Amino acid sequence: MSKAVYQLEPLTCPSCIKKIETTLNKTAGIESAKVMFNSSKVKTEFDETTIEASKIQETIQKLGYPVLSSKVS
């Protein structure tokens, strides 16, 4: 399992969190996705053999949330 944290622009509403978490948690290969509202970060745990970190970032951006930086471990 790999982990990745994506720094987003400041989030403004709880529905933004639900939209990101719901979409990512339904995505194949993603074990868990949690949005930290106060820090505007998305923490994910995923199977790198199924999905790449760049694809997760792409998914977040397609939802309309620019990713400022990411850290994969």
C-alpha atoms as a PDB file:
ATOM      1  CA  MET A   1       0.000   0.000   0.000  1.00  0.00           C
ATOM      2  CA  SER A   2       1.160   3.487  -0.846  1.00  0.00           C
ATOM      3  CA  LYS A   3       0.055   6.741   0.711  1.00  0.00           C
ATOM      4  CA  ALA A   4      -0.287  10.160  -0.847  1.00  0.00           C
ATOM      5  CA  VAL A   5      -1.229  13.567   0.517  1.00  0.00           C
ATOM      6  CA  TYR A   6      -2.515  16.266  -1.817  1.00  0.00           C
ATOM      7  CA  GLN A   7      -2.504  19.936  -0.796  1.00  0.00           C
ATOM      8  CA  LEU A   8      -5.498  21.777  -2.224  1.00  0.00           C
ATOM      9  CA  GLU A   9      -6.528  25.411  -2.285  1.00  0.00           C
ATOM     10  CA  PRO A  10      -8.561  26.323   0.835  1.00  0.00           C
ATOM     11  CA  LEU A  11     -11.837  24.403   0.907  1.00  0.00           C
ATOM     12  CA  THR A  12     -14.946  26.436   1.618  1.00  0.00           C
ATOM     13  CA  CYS A  13     -17.787  23.992   2.186  1.00  0.00           C
ATOM     14  CA  PRO A  14     -18.545  20.567   3.693  1.00  0.00           C
ATOM     15  CA  SER A  15     -20.144  19.410   0.434  1.00  0.00           C
ATOM     16  CA  CYS A  16     -16.721  19.800  -1.243  1.00  0.00           C
ATOM     17  CA  ILE A  17     -15.325  17.250   1.203  1.00  0.00           C
ATOM     18  CA  LYS A  18     -18.147  14.793   0.556  1.00  0.00           C
ATOM     19  CA  LYS A  19     -17.762  15.140  -3.219  1.00  0.00           C
ATOM     20  CA  ILE A  20     -14.005  14.416  -3.122  1.00  0.00           C
ATOM     21  CA  GLU A  21     -14.241  11.558  -0.578  1.00  0.00           C
ATOM     22  CA  THR A  22     -17.184   9.870  -2.317  1.00  0.00           C
ATOM     23  CA  THR A  23     -15.530   9.994  -5.746  1.00  0.00           C
ATOM     24  CA  LEU A  24     -12.122   8.780  -4.533  1.00  0.00           C
ATOM     25  CA  ASN A  25     -13.537   6.018  -2.321  1.00  0.00           C
ATOM     26  CA  LYS A  26     -15.444   4.639  -5.335  1.00  0.00           C
ATOM     27  CA  THR A  27     -12.291   4.643  -7.478  1.00  0.00           C
ATOM     28  CA  ALA A  28     -10.687   1.249  -8.089  1.00  0.00           C
ATOM     29  CA  GLY A  29      -7.394   0.801  -6.251  1.00  0.00           C
ATOM     30  CA  ILE A  30      -8.038   3.438  -3.593  1.00  0.00           C
ATOM     31  CA  GLU A  31      -8.251   1.869  -0.145  1.00  0.00           C
ATOM     32  CA  SER A  32      -9.221   5.070   1.675  1.00  0.00           C
ATOM     33  CA  ALA A  33      -9.519   8.788   1.072  1.00  0.00           C
ATOM     34  CA  LYS A  34      -9.951  11.382   3.806  1.00  0.00           C
ATOM     35  CA  VAL A  35     -10.251  15.132   3.362  1.00  0.00           C
ATOM     36  CA  MET A  36      -8.851  17.310   6.139  1.00  0.00           C
ATOM     37  CA  PHE A  37     -11.035  20.440   5.977  1.00  0.00           C
ATOM     38  CA  ASN A  38      -8.911  22.760   8.156  1.00  0.00           C
ATOM     39  CA  SER A  39      -5.664  22.078   6.305  1.00  0.00           C
ATOM     40  CA  SER A  40      -7.281  21.522   2.869  1.00  0.00           C
ATOM     41  CA  LYS A  41      -5.427  18.242   2.393  1.00  0.00           C
ATOM     42  CA  VAL A  42      -6.586  14.957   0.916  1.00  0.00           C
ATOM     43  CA  LYS A  43      -4.974  11.884   2.468  1.00  0.00           C
ATOM     44  CA  THR A  44      -5.217   8.698   0.434  1.00  0.00           C
ATOM     45  CA  GLU A  45      -4.099   5.110   0.798  1.00  0.00           C
ATOM     46  CA  PHE A  46      -3.985   3.184  -2.459  1.00  0.00           C
ATOM     47  CA  ASP A  47      -2.706   0.108  -4.260  1.00  0.00           C
ATOM     48  CA  GLU A  48       0.036   1.327  -6.591  1.00  0.00           C
ATOM     49  CA  THR A  49      -0.397  -1.751  -8.830  1.00  0.00           C
ATOM     50  CA  THR A  50      -3.973  -0.631  -9.609  1.00  0.00           C
ATOM     51  CA  ILE A  51      -3.781   3.174  -9.700  1.00  0.00           C
ATOM     52  CA  GLU A  52      -0.990   5.756  -9.854  1.00  0.00           C
ATOM     53  CA  ALA A  53      -0.754   8.798  -7.591  1.00  0.00           C
ATOM     54  CA  SER A  54      -0.893  11.047 -10.664  1.00  0.00           C
ATOM     55  CA  LYS A  55      -4.282   9.549 -11.622  1.00  0.00           C
ATOM     56  CA  ILE A  56      -5.650  10.351  -8.154  1.00  0.00           C
ATOM     57  CA  GLN A  57      -4.420  13.928  -8.525  1.00  0.00           C
ATOM     58  CA  GLU A  58      -6.034  14.099 -11.971  1.00  0.00           C
ATOM     59  CA  THR A  59      -9.352  12.893 -10.514  1.00  0.00           C
ATOM     60  CA  ILE A  60      -9.286  15.588  -7.803  1.00  0.00           C
ATOM     61  CA  GLN A  61      -8.548  18.244 -10.429  1.00  0.00           C
ATOM     62  CA  LYS A  62     -11.360  16.997 -12.700  1.00  0.00           C
ATOM     63  CA  LEU A  63     -13.737  17.580  -9.777  1.00  0.00           C
ATOM     64  CA  GLY A  64     -12.665  21.230  -9.885  1.00  0.00           C
ATOM     65  CA  TYR A  65     -10.122  21.411  -7.055  1.00  0.00           C
ATOM     66  CA  PRO A  66      -6.609  22.536  -8.068  1.00  0.00           C
ATOM     67  CA  VAL A  67      -3.853  20.478  -6.427  1.00  0.00           C
ATOM     68  CA  LEU A  68      -1.048  22.763  -5.240  1.00  0.00           C
ATOM     69  CA  SER A  69       1.344  19.958  -4.252  1.00  0.00           C
ATOM     70  CA  SER A  70       1.471  16.244  -3.533  1.00  0.00           C
ATOM     71  CA  LYS A  71       3.627  13.950  -1.441  1.00  0.00           C
ATOM     72  CA  VAL A  72       3.704  10.215  -2.114  1.00  0.00           C
ATOM     73  CA  SER A  73       5.187   7.709   0.309  1.00  0.00           C
END
